[in-house]
N, C-alpha and C. Protein backbone atom coordinates (compact mmCIF):
# COMPACT_ATOMS: atom_id res chain seq x y z
N MET A 1 97.68 126.08 122.96
CA MET A 1 97.39 124.77 123.51
C MET A 1 98.22 123.74 122.76
N ASP A 2 99.01 122.98 123.50
CA ASP A 2 99.84 121.94 122.89
C ASP A 2 99.05 120.65 122.74
N ALA A 3 99.18 120.05 121.56
CA ALA A 3 98.52 118.77 121.32
C ALA A 3 99.53 117.65 121.56
N ASP A 4 99.16 116.67 122.37
CA ASP A 4 100.05 115.54 122.63
C ASP A 4 99.96 114.56 121.46
N MET A 5 101.11 114.29 120.89
CA MET A 5 101.14 113.36 119.76
C MET A 5 101.18 111.91 120.24
N TYR A 6 101.78 111.66 121.38
CA TYR A 6 101.87 110.31 121.91
C TYR A 6 100.93 110.18 123.08
N LEU A 7 100.02 109.24 122.94
CA LEU A 7 99.12 108.96 124.05
C LEU A 7 99.37 107.53 124.50
N PRO A 8 99.68 107.34 125.76
CA PRO A 8 99.96 105.98 126.23
C PRO A 8 98.73 105.09 126.15
N CYS A 9 98.97 103.85 125.83
CA CYS A 9 97.88 102.89 125.73
C CYS A 9 97.60 102.32 127.12
N GLN A 10 96.37 102.40 127.54
CA GLN A 10 96.06 102.02 128.92
C GLN A 10 95.95 100.52 129.14
N PRO A 11 95.07 99.81 128.48
CA PRO A 11 95.10 98.35 128.78
C PRO A 11 96.31 97.74 128.08
N TYR A 12 97.32 97.41 128.86
CA TYR A 12 98.60 96.96 128.31
C TYR A 12 98.43 95.70 127.47
N TRP A 13 97.57 94.78 127.91
CA TRP A 13 97.39 93.53 127.17
C TRP A 13 96.79 93.78 125.79
N LEU A 14 95.93 94.81 125.67
CA LEU A 14 95.34 95.13 124.37
C LEU A 14 96.37 95.73 123.43
N CYS A 15 97.17 96.66 123.94
CA CYS A 15 98.19 97.29 123.11
C CYS A 15 99.24 96.29 122.67
N ARG A 16 99.61 95.40 123.59
CA ARG A 16 100.62 94.39 123.25
C ARG A 16 100.11 93.46 122.16
N SER A 17 98.87 93.02 122.24
CA SER A 17 98.32 92.12 121.23
C SER A 17 98.17 92.85 119.88
N LEU A 18 97.81 94.12 119.92
CA LEU A 18 97.72 94.89 118.67
C LEU A 18 99.08 95.05 118.01
N MET A 19 100.10 95.31 118.81
CA MET A 19 101.44 95.45 118.26
C MET A 19 101.95 94.13 117.69
N LEU A 20 101.68 93.03 118.38
CA LEU A 20 102.09 91.73 117.86
C LEU A 20 101.38 91.42 116.54
N THR A 21 100.10 91.74 116.47
CA THR A 21 99.35 91.54 115.24
C THR A 21 99.93 92.40 114.12
N PHE A 22 100.25 93.63 114.42
CA PHE A 22 100.84 94.52 113.43
C PHE A 22 102.18 93.97 112.94
N TYR A 23 103.02 93.47 113.86
CA TYR A 23 104.32 92.91 113.48
C TYR A 23 104.15 91.69 112.57
N VAL A 24 103.19 90.84 112.89
CA VAL A 24 102.96 89.64 112.07
C VAL A 24 102.49 90.03 110.67
N VAL A 25 101.60 90.99 110.57
CA VAL A 25 101.10 91.43 109.27
C VAL A 25 102.23 92.04 108.45
N VAL A 26 103.05 92.87 109.06
CA VAL A 26 104.17 93.50 108.34
C VAL A 26 105.17 92.44 107.88
N ALA A 27 105.44 91.46 108.73
CA ALA A 27 106.36 90.38 108.36
C ALA A 27 105.81 89.58 107.19
N CYS A 28 104.51 89.30 107.19
CA CYS A 28 103.89 88.56 106.08
C CYS A 28 103.98 89.36 104.79
N VAL A 29 103.76 90.66 104.86
CA VAL A 29 103.83 91.49 103.67
C VAL A 29 105.26 91.53 103.12
N VAL A 30 106.24 91.62 104.00
CA VAL A 30 107.64 91.64 103.56
C VAL A 30 108.00 90.32 102.87
N VAL A 31 107.60 89.19 103.47
CA VAL A 31 107.89 87.88 102.85
C VAL A 31 107.18 87.76 101.51
N TRP A 32 105.93 88.21 101.45
CA TRP A 32 105.17 88.14 100.20
C TRP A 32 105.83 88.99 99.11
N MET A 33 106.32 90.17 99.46
CA MET A 33 107.00 91.02 98.48
C MET A 33 108.30 90.38 97.99
N ILE A 34 109.04 89.75 98.89
CA ILE A 34 110.28 89.07 98.48
C ILE A 34 109.97 87.93 97.52
N ILE A 35 108.94 87.14 97.83
CA ILE A 35 108.55 86.04 96.93
C ILE A 35 108.10 86.59 95.59
N LEU A 36 107.36 87.68 95.59
CA LEU A 36 106.90 88.29 94.34
C LEU A 36 108.06 88.77 93.48
N VAL A 37 109.04 89.40 94.10
CA VAL A 37 110.21 89.88 93.36
C VAL A 37 111.00 88.72 92.78
N ILE A 38 111.16 87.65 93.55
CA ILE A 38 111.90 86.48 93.05
C ILE A 38 111.16 85.84 91.88
N ARG A 39 109.84 85.70 91.99
CA ARG A 39 109.07 85.10 90.89
C ARG A 39 109.15 85.94 89.62
N GLU A 40 109.08 87.26 89.76
CA GLU A 40 109.18 88.13 88.59
C GLU A 40 110.58 88.05 87.98
N TYR A 41 111.60 87.97 88.81
CA TYR A 41 112.96 87.85 88.31
C TYR A 41 113.12 86.57 87.50
N ILE A 42 112.59 85.47 88.01
CA ILE A 42 112.69 84.19 87.30
C ILE A 42 111.90 84.25 86.00
N ARG A 43 110.73 84.88 86.02
CA ARG A 43 109.91 84.98 84.81
C ARG A 43 110.63 85.81 83.75
N ILE A 44 111.23 86.91 84.14
CA ILE A 44 111.95 87.76 83.19
C ILE A 44 113.17 87.02 82.65
N LYS A 45 113.87 86.31 83.51
CA LYS A 45 115.06 85.57 83.09
C LYS A 45 114.69 84.50 82.06
N ASN A 46 113.60 83.76 82.31
CA ASN A 46 113.17 82.73 81.36
C ASN A 46 112.71 83.35 80.04
N ARG A 47 112.05 84.47 80.11
CA ARG A 47 111.57 85.13 78.89
C ARG A 47 112.75 85.62 78.05
N THR A 48 113.76 86.21 78.68
CA THR A 48 114.92 86.68 77.92
C THR A 48 115.67 85.52 77.29
N LYS A 49 115.74 84.41 78.00
CA LYS A 49 116.39 83.22 77.44
C LYS A 49 115.64 82.73 76.21
N TYR A 50 114.31 82.69 76.30
CA TYR A 50 113.49 82.24 75.17
C TYR A 50 113.65 83.18 73.98
N VAL A 51 113.64 84.48 74.22
CA VAL A 51 113.75 85.46 73.13
C VAL A 51 115.14 85.39 72.49
N GLN A 52 116.17 85.25 73.29
CA GLN A 52 117.51 85.17 72.73
C GLN A 52 117.71 83.92 71.89
N GLU A 53 117.10 82.81 72.31
CA GLU A 53 117.19 81.60 71.50
C GLU A 53 116.42 81.75 70.19
N ARG A 54 115.30 82.44 70.23
CA ARG A 54 114.53 82.66 68.99
C ARG A 54 115.27 83.58 68.03
N ARG A 55 116.00 84.56 68.55
CA ARG A 55 116.71 85.49 67.69
C ARG A 55 117.80 84.80 66.87
N LYS A 56 118.31 83.69 67.37
CA LYS A 56 119.34 82.97 66.65
C LYS A 56 118.79 82.27 65.41
N LEU A 57 117.49 82.02 65.36
CA LEU A 57 116.88 81.34 64.23
C LEU A 57 116.58 82.31 63.10
N HIS A 58 116.53 81.78 61.92
CA HIS A 58 116.13 82.58 60.77
C HIS A 58 114.64 82.88 60.86
N TYR A 59 114.23 83.94 60.17
CA TYR A 59 112.84 84.39 60.23
C TYR A 59 111.87 83.28 59.85
N LYS A 60 112.14 82.56 58.74
CA LYS A 60 111.23 81.50 58.29
C LYS A 60 111.18 80.35 59.30
N GLU A 61 112.30 80.02 59.88
CA GLU A 61 112.31 78.95 60.87
C GLU A 61 111.53 79.34 62.12
N ARG A 62 111.64 80.61 62.51
CA ARG A 62 110.90 81.09 63.68
C ARG A 62 109.40 80.94 63.49
N HIS A 63 108.92 81.36 62.33
CA HIS A 63 107.47 81.33 62.10
C HIS A 63 106.98 79.92 61.83
N ARG A 64 107.82 79.06 61.33
CA ARG A 64 107.44 77.67 61.16
C ARG A 64 107.27 77.02 62.53
N LEU A 65 108.13 77.36 63.45
CA LEU A 65 108.01 76.82 64.80
C LEU A 65 106.73 77.31 65.47
N LYS A 66 106.38 78.56 65.24
CA LYS A 66 105.18 79.10 65.87
C LYS A 66 103.93 78.38 65.38
N SER A 67 103.87 78.07 64.08
CA SER A 67 102.67 77.44 63.54
C SER A 67 102.58 75.97 63.97
N GLU A 68 103.72 75.35 64.30
CA GLU A 68 103.69 73.96 64.72
C GLU A 68 103.29 73.80 66.18
N ARG A 69 103.33 74.87 66.91
CA ARG A 69 102.97 74.81 68.32
C ARG A 69 101.50 74.46 68.48
N VAL A 70 101.24 73.49 69.31
CA VAL A 70 99.86 73.04 69.51
C VAL A 70 99.24 73.89 70.63
N ILE A 71 98.06 74.39 70.36
CA ILE A 71 97.34 75.16 71.36
C ILE A 71 96.38 74.22 72.06
N LYS A 72 96.57 74.06 73.36
CA LYS A 72 95.72 73.16 74.11
C LYS A 72 94.44 73.89 74.50
N ARG A 73 93.33 73.25 74.24
CA ARG A 73 92.05 73.82 74.65
C ARG A 73 91.70 73.30 76.02
N SER A 74 91.15 74.15 76.81
CA SER A 74 90.77 73.72 78.15
C SER A 74 89.48 72.92 78.08
N ARG A 75 89.41 71.90 78.91
CA ARG A 75 88.21 71.06 78.94
C ARG A 75 87.12 71.73 79.75
N ARG A 76 85.91 71.45 79.34
CA ARG A 76 84.78 71.95 80.13
C ARG A 76 84.68 71.14 81.40
N PRO A 77 84.35 71.77 82.49
CA PRO A 77 84.19 70.99 83.73
C PRO A 77 82.98 70.08 83.63
N ARG A 78 83.12 68.89 84.17
CA ARG A 78 82.01 67.93 84.13
C ARG A 78 80.94 68.33 85.15
N ARG A 79 79.70 68.15 84.74
CA ARG A 79 78.60 68.48 85.63
C ARG A 79 78.35 67.33 86.59
N ARG A 80 78.14 67.66 87.83
CA ARG A 80 77.80 66.64 88.82
C ARG A 80 76.34 66.28 88.70
N ARG A 81 76.06 65.02 88.92
CA ARG A 81 74.66 64.58 88.85
C ARG A 81 74.11 64.38 90.23
């Protein structure tokens, strides 16, 4: 007994809308992946630039800069009355 792998879709309007929905979702995923790759590339590029600039400094100067960096504390959200 042969099994049919392709079964035609009977209500044409339903199949067409499903295919359009599928195309839109795939297009959104492709755009999202491209944006993600670009953001990661920029993040890696900025990190390498920062590390290369730090390597040019002497050890004592590097650690002096680290201790001078101010750590910002996040504010507590205000309660509504």
